[in-house]
């Protein structure tokens, strides 16, 4: 069964992460890819691939109080990690946790 539900909003988990994204030059391949991921999440919050709960890094659980984690493939073997939250069960928010190259992704998991 495939879920499909648009995210009401997409946000960055940390201000420093959002600043890193905003500081990328317009047209930069990574910024273009992240923009596409945001559009995709707004169309379907479940567009990424789920990461098994036992593989979610404990630091993410502690820092962000999440119980789910998804990865979205970016070009050049990069990954975008995000979580879905439903504050007060009123809306579905996609929270971007991190974006990284494949080597760092493999180390993390």
Protein backbone atom coordinates (compact mmCIF):
# COMPACT_ATOMS: atom_id res chain seq x y z
CA UNK A 1 0.00 0.00 0.00
CA UNK A 2 1.43 3.35 -1.05
CA UNK A 3 0.48 6.43 0.94
CA UNK A 4 -0.05 9.74 -0.77
CA UNK A 5 -0.80 12.90 1.13
CA UNK A 6 0.58 16.37 0.54
CA UNK A 7 2.60 18.05 3.26
CA UNK A 8 0.90 21.19 4.48
CA UNK A 9 4.32 22.75 4.97
CA UNK A 10 8.02 21.95 4.63
CA UNK A 11 10.52 23.43 7.09
CA UNK A 12 14.13 22.99 8.14
CA UNK A 13 14.84 21.46 11.53
CA UNK A 14 17.66 23.89 12.30
CA UNK A 15 18.19 27.49 11.31
CA UNK A 16 21.81 26.74 10.40
CA UNK A 17 20.67 24.07 7.94
CA UNK A 18 18.25 26.49 6.31
CA UNK A 19 21.03 29.09 6.09
CA UNK A 20 23.31 26.55 4.38
CA UNK A 21 20.55 25.90 1.85
CA UNK A 22 19.81 29.61 1.33
CA UNK A 23 23.51 30.40 0.89
CA UNK A 24 23.78 28.04 -2.07
CA UNK A 25 23.90 29.99 -5.33
CA UNK A 26 20.79 30.04 -7.49
CA UNK A 27 21.19 27.36 -10.13
CA UNK A 28 23.53 25.29 -7.95
CA UNK A 29 22.70 21.62 -8.60
CA UNK A 30 22.18 20.95 -4.88
CA UNK A 31 19.84 23.91 -4.39
CA UNK A 32 17.87 22.92 -7.50
CA UNK A 33 17.58 19.35 -6.18
CA UNK A 34 16.50 20.48 -2.70
CA UNK A 35 13.91 22.79 -4.29
CA UNK A 36 12.57 19.81 -6.24
CA UNK A 37 12.42 17.70 -3.07
CA UNK A 38 10.42 20.43 -1.33
CA UNK A 39 7.96 20.58 -4.23
CA UNK A 40 7.69 16.78 -4.21
CA UNK A 41 7.03 16.72 -0.44
CA UNK A 42 4.33 19.35 -0.83
CA UNK A 43 2.69 17.10 -3.44
CA UNK A 44 3.24 13.88 -1.49
CA UNK A 45 4.91 13.86 1.93
CA UNK A 46 5.61 10.14 1.49
CA UNK A 47 7.69 10.65 -1.69
CA UNK A 48 10.91 9.49 -0.01
CA UNK A 49 11.92 6.09 1.23
CA UNK A 50 11.26 5.23 4.89
CA UNK A 51 14.17 4.31 7.13
CA UNK A 52 13.50 1.47 9.57
CA UNK A 53 12.84 2.74 13.08
CA UNK A 54 15.71 0.76 14.59
CA UNK A 55 18.11 2.55 12.20
CA UNK A 56 17.06 6.09 13.08
CA UNK A 57 20.10 7.68 14.74
CA UNK A 58 19.53 8.14 18.45
CA UNK A 59 20.85 11.69 18.20
CA UNK A 60 17.97 12.54 15.83
CA UNK A 61 15.43 11.02 18.21
CA UNK A 62 16.88 12.94 21.15
CA UNK A 63 17.43 16.24 19.36
CA UNK A 64 14.29 16.40 17.21
CA UNK A 65 11.92 14.10 19.15
CA UNK A 66 11.05 12.17 15.98
CA UNK A 67 9.75 8.64 15.54
CA UNK A 68 10.07 8.39 11.75
CA UNK A 69 12.73 9.25 9.20
CA UNK A 70 12.67 9.29 5.41
CA UNK A 71 15.41 9.69 2.83
CA UNK A 72 14.99 11.39 -0.51
CA UNK A 73 17.54 10.76 -3.28
CA UNK A 74 19.38 13.80 -4.61
CA UNK A 75 21.73 13.89 -7.64
CA UNK A 76 25.38 12.85 -7.33
CA UNK A 77 24.46 10.23 -4.71
CA UNK A 78 23.43 12.82 -2.12
CA UNK A 79 20.58 12.20 0.34
CA UNK A 80 18.06 14.46 2.03
CA UNK A 81 16.72 13.23 5.36
CA UNK A 82 13.35 14.35 6.64
CA UNK A 83 10.72 13.47 9.19
CA UNK A 84 6.94 13.83 9.13
CA UNK A 85 5.19 15.36 12.11
CA UNK A 86 1.56 16.17 12.85
CA UNK A 87 1.35 18.90 15.49
CA UNK A 88 -1.96 18.60 17.32
CA UNK A 89 -3.07 16.17 14.58
CA UNK A 90 -4.13 19.15 12.48
CA UNK A 91 -1.55 19.31 9.72
CA UNK A 92 1.21 17.24 8.16
CA UNK A 93 4.62 18.88 8.25
CA UNK A 94 7.77 17.66 6.54
CA UNK A 95 10.84 18.65 8.54
CA UNK A 96 14.17 18.56 6.70
CA UNK A 97 16.74 17.15 9.13
CA UNK A 98 19.86 17.06 6.99
CA UNK A 99 21.26 16.72 3.48
CA UNK A 100 24.54 14.96 2.87
CA UNK A 101 26.64 13.07 0.38
CA UNK A 102 26.38 9.28 0.15
CA UNK A 103 29.63 8.67 2.02
CA UNK A 104 28.41 10.64 5.06
CA UNK A 105 25.01 8.94 4.76
CA UNK A 106 26.65 5.50 4.88
CA UNK A 107 28.67 6.50 7.96
CA UNK A 108 25.55 7.77 9.71
CA UNK A 109 23.64 4.53 9.10
